Amino acid sequence: MPKNELTTLSWQLFQEEMLQKLQSCQQQIKELDVRHAHINQ
């Protein structure tokens, strides 16, 4: 396997991991927003 293919593969894996972390963070933010809304009522 040429080096650039390996780099591309690891980059894709890195992007997938970052997307999963981002989605997880967005979910936490939504949950915090909901709690915050309840407190402010």
PDB file of N, CA and C in Angstrom:
ATOM      1  N   MET A   1       0.851  -1.208   0.000  1.00  0.00           N
ATOM      2  CA  MET A   1       0.000   0.000   0.000  1.00  0.00           C
ATOM      3  C   MET A   1       0.884   1.254   0.000  1.00  0.00           C
ATOM      4  N   PRO A   2       0.688   2.145  -0.955  1.00  0.00           N
ATOM      5  CA  PRO A   2       1.484   3.385  -0.971  1.00  0.00           C
ATOM      6  C   PRO A   2       1.206   4.243   0.263  1.00  0.00           C
ATOM      7  N   LYS A   3       2.172   5.032   0.605  1.00  0.00           N
ATOM      8  CA  LYS A   3       2.069   5.829   1.828  1.00  0.00           C
ATOM      9  C   LYS A   3       0.864   6.774   1.793  1.00  0.00           C
ATOM     10  N   ASN A   4       0.607   7.384   0.635  1.00  0.00           N
ATOM     11  CA  ASN A   4      -0.498   8.348   0.571  1.00  0.00           C
ATOM     12  C   ASN A   4      -1.861   7.683   0.789  1.00  0.00           C
ATOM     13  N   GLU A   5      -1.983   6.409   0.397  1.00  0.00           N
ATOM     14  CA  GLU A   5      -3.237   5.684   0.652  1.00  0.00           C
ATOM     15  C   GLU A   5      -3.435   5.475   2.144  1.00  0.00           C
ATOM     16  N   LEU A   6      -2.356   5.138   2.814  1.00  0.00           N
ATOM     17  CA  LEU A   6      -2.407   4.930   4.262  1.00  0.00           C
ATOM     18  C   LEU A   6      -2.798   6.239   4.962  1.00  0.00           C
ATOM     19  N   THR A   7      -2.209   7.325   4.503  1.00  0.00           N
ATOM     20  CA  THR A   7      -2.512   8.639   5.078  1.00  0.00           C
ATOM     21  C   THR A   7      -3.983   8.992   4.873  1.00  0.00           C
ATOM     22  N   THR A   8      -4.480   8.715   3.675  1.00  0.00           N
ATOM     23  CA  THR A   8      -5.889   8.991   3.374  1.00  0.00           C
ATOM     24  C   THR A   8      -6.801   8.176   4.278  1.00  0.00           C
ATOM     25  N   LEU A   9      -6.452   6.905   4.468  1.00  0.00           N
ATOM     26  CA  LEU A   9      -7.258   6.026   5.313  1.00  0.00           C
ATOM     27  C   LEU A   9      -7.267   6.523   6.754  1.00  0.00           C
ATOM     28  N   SER A  10      -6.102   6.852   7.282  1.00  0.00           N
ATOM     29  CA  SER A  10      -6.043   7.318   8.666  1.00  0.00           C
ATOM     30  C   SER A  10      -6.754   8.664   8.815  1.00  0.00           C
ATOM     31  N   TRP A  11      -6.688   9.503   7.771  1.00  0.00           N
ATOM     32  CA  TRP A  11      -7.401  10.778   7.786  1.00  0.00           C
ATOM     33  C   TRP A  11      -8.909  10.559   7.833  1.00  0.00           C
ATOM     34  N   GLN A  12      -9.400   9.582   7.043  1.00  0.00           N
ATOM     35  CA  GLN A  12     -10.834   9.272   7.049  1.00  0.00           C
ATOM     36  C   GLN A  12     -11.269   8.767   8.420  1.00  0.00           C
ATOM     37  N   LEU A  13     -10.446   7.910   9.018  1.00  0.00           N
ATOM     38  CA  LEU A  13     -10.765   7.393  10.351  1.00  0.00           C
ATOM     39  C   LEU A  13     -10.772   8.531  11.366  1.00  0.00           C
ATOM     40  N   PHE A  14      -9.808   9.425  11.245  1.00  0.00           N
ATOM     41  CA  PHE A  14      -9.725  10.583  12.137  1.00  0.00           C
ATOM     42  C   PHE A  14     -10.974  11.453  11.998  1.00  0.00           C
ATOM     43  N   GLN A  15     -11.386  11.712  10.749  1.00  0.00           N
ATOM     44  CA  GLN A  15     -12.584  12.529  10.510  1.00  0.00           C
ATOM     45  C   GLN A  15     -13.823  11.880  11.115  1.00  0.00           C
ATOM     46  N   GLU A  16     -13.955  10.556  10.946  1.00  0.00           N
ATOM     47  CA  GLU A  16     -15.107   9.842  11.504  1.00  0.00           C
ATOM     48  C   GLU A  16     -15.131   9.970  13.022  1.00  0.00           C
ATOM     49  N   GLU A  17     -13.955   9.813  13.626  1.00  0.00           N
ATOM     50  CA  GLU A  17     -13.860   9.917  15.081  1.00  0.00           C
ATOM     51  C   GLU A  17     -14.240  11.320  15.543  1.00  0.00           C
ATOM     52  N   MET A  18     -13.747  12.335  14.839  1.00  0.00           N
ATOM     53  CA  MET A  18     -14.061  13.717  15.190  1.00  0.00           C
ATOM     54  C   MET A  18     -15.558  14.005  15.023  1.00  0.00           C
ATOM     55  N   LEU A  19     -16.155  13.466  13.963  1.00  0.00           N
ATOM     56  CA  LEU A  19     -17.594  13.655  13.757  1.00  0.00           C
ATOM     57  C   LEU A  19     -18.386  13.029  14.895  1.00  0.00           C
ATOM     58  N   GLN A  20     -17.970  11.850  15.333  1.00  0.00           N
ATOM     59  CA  GLN A  20     -18.662  11.184  16.434  1.00  0.00           C
ATOM     60  C   GLN A  20     -18.533  12.002  17.713  1.00  0.00           C
ATOM     61  N   LYS A  21     -17.340  12.545  17.956  1.00  0.00           N
ATOM     62  CA  LYS A  21     -17.137  13.379  19.148  1.00  0.00           C
ATOM     63  C   LYS A  21     -17.979  14.644  19.070  1.00  0.00           C
ATOM     64  N   LEU A  22     -18.040  15.225  17.878  1.00  0.00           N
ATOM     65  CA  LEU A  22     -18.839  16.430  17.673  1.00  0.00           C
ATOM     66  C   LEU A  22     -20.311  16.161  17.952  1.00  0.00           C
ATOM     67  N   GLN A  23     -20.820  15.060  17.398  1.00  0.00           N
ATOM     68  CA  GLN A  23     -22.225  14.708  17.605  1.00  0.00           C
ATOM     69  C   GLN A  23     -22.506  14.453  19.082  1.00  0.00           C
ATOM     70  N   SER A  24     -21.574  13.808  19.752  1.00  0.00           N
ATOM     71  CA  SER A  24     -21.714  13.548  21.180  1.00  0.00           C
ATOM     72  C   SER A  24     -21.764  14.865  21.960  1.00  0.00           C
ATOM     73  N   CYS A  25     -20.906  15.808  21.598  1.00  0.00           N
ATOM     74  CA  CYS A  25     -20.898  17.117  22.252  1.00  0.00           C
ATOM     75  C   CYS A  25     -22.193  17.874  21.981  1.00  0.00           C
ATOM     76  N   GLN A  26     -22.669  17.808  20.736  1.00  0.00           N
ATOM     77  CA  GLN A  26     -23.918  18.491  20.390  1.00  0.00           C
ATOM     78  C   GLN A  26     -25.081  17.918  21.192  1.00  0.00           C
ATOM     79  N   GLN A  27     -25.072  16.604  21.402  1.00  0.00           N
ATOM     80  CA  GLN A  27     -26.118  15.955  22.197  1.00  0.00           C
ATOM     81  C   GLN A  27     -26.068  16.459  23.638  1.00  0.00           C
ATOM     82  N   GLN A  28     -24.859  16.571  24.194  1.00  0.00           N
ATOM     83  CA  GLN A  28     -24.708  17.071  25.563  1.00  0.00           C
ATOM     84  C   GLN A  28     -25.194  18.514  25.667  1.00  0.00           C
ATOM     85  N   ILE A  29     -24.893  19.310  24.654  1.00  0.00           N
ATOM     86  CA  ILE A  29     -25.334  20.708  24.644  1.00  0.00           C
ATOM     87  C   ILE A  29     -26.858  20.783  24.628  1.00  0.00           C
ATOM     88  N   LYS A  30     -27.494  19.940  23.809  1.00  0.00           N
ATOM     89  CA  LYS A  30     -28.963  19.906  23.757  1.00  0.00           C
ATOM     90  C   LYS A  30     -29.534  19.576  25.126  1.00  0.00           C
ATOM     91  N   GLU A  31     -28.949  18.565  25.781  1.00  0.00           N
ATOM     92  CA  GLU A  31     -29.440  18.158  27.095  1.00  0.00           C
ATOM     93  C   GLU A  31     -29.265  19.282  28.111  1.00  0.00           C
ATOM     94  N   LEU A  32     -28.140  19.980  28.047  1.00  0.00           N
ATOM     95  CA  LEU A  32     -27.915  21.103  28.951  1.00  0.00           C
ATOM     96  C   LEU A  32     -28.903  22.232  28.668  1.00  0.00           C
ATOM     97  N   ASP A  33     -29.176  22.496  27.386  1.00  0.00           N
ATOM     98  CA  ASP A  33     -30.154  23.520  27.004  1.00  0.00           C
ATOM     99  C   ASP A  33     -31.525  23.198  27.584  1.00  0.00           C
ATOM    100  N   VAL A  34     -31.924  21.932  27.497  1.00  0.00           N
ATOM    101  CA  VAL A  34     -33.222  21.504  28.020  1.00  0.00           C
ATOM    102  C   VAL A  34     -33.277  21.735  29.527  1.00  0.00           C
ATOM    103  N   ARG A  35     -32.222  21.320  30.230  1.00  0.00           N
ATOM    104  CA  ARG A  35     -32.186  21.515  31.686  1.00  0.00           C
ATOM    105  C   ARG A  35     -32.235  22.994  32.029  1.00  0.00           C
ATOM    106  N   HIS A  36     -31.482  23.790  31.288  1.00  0.00           N
ATOM    107  CA  HIS A  36     -31.424  25.228  31.526  1.00  0.00           C
ATOM    108  C   HIS A  36     -32.793  25.862  31.311  1.00  0.00           C
ATOM    109  N   ALA A  37     -33.497  25.420  30.281  1.00  0.00           N
ATOM    110  CA  ALA A  37     -34.837  25.934  29.991  1.00  0.00           C
ATOM    111  C   ALA A  37     -35.791  25.615  31.139  1.00  0.00           C
ATOM    112  N   HIS A  38     -35.679  24.405  31.693  1.00  0.00           N
ATOM    113  CA  HIS A  38     -36.541  24.023  32.816  1.00  0.00           C
ATOM    114  C   HIS A  38     -36.266  24.904  34.036  1.00  0.00           C
ATOM    115  N   ILE A  39     -34.997  25.167  34.297  1.00  0.00           N
ATOM    116  CA  ILE A  39     -34.618  25.981  35.456  1.00  0.00           C
ATOM    117  C   ILE A  39     -35.172  27.397  35.312  1.00  0.00           C
ATOM    118  N   ASN A  40     -35.159  27.931  34.101  1.00  0.00           N
ATOM    119  CA  ASN A  40     -35.555  29.322  33.874  1.00  0.00           C
ATOM    120  C   ASN A  40     -37.056  29.539  33.813  1.00  0.00           C
ATOM    121  N   GLN A  41     -37.839  28.475  33.832  1.00  0.00           N
ATOM    122  CA  GLN A  41     -39.295  28.631  33.748  1.00  0.00           C
ATOM    123  C   GLN A  41     -39.864  29.135  35.070  1.00  0.00           C
TER     124      GLN A  41
END
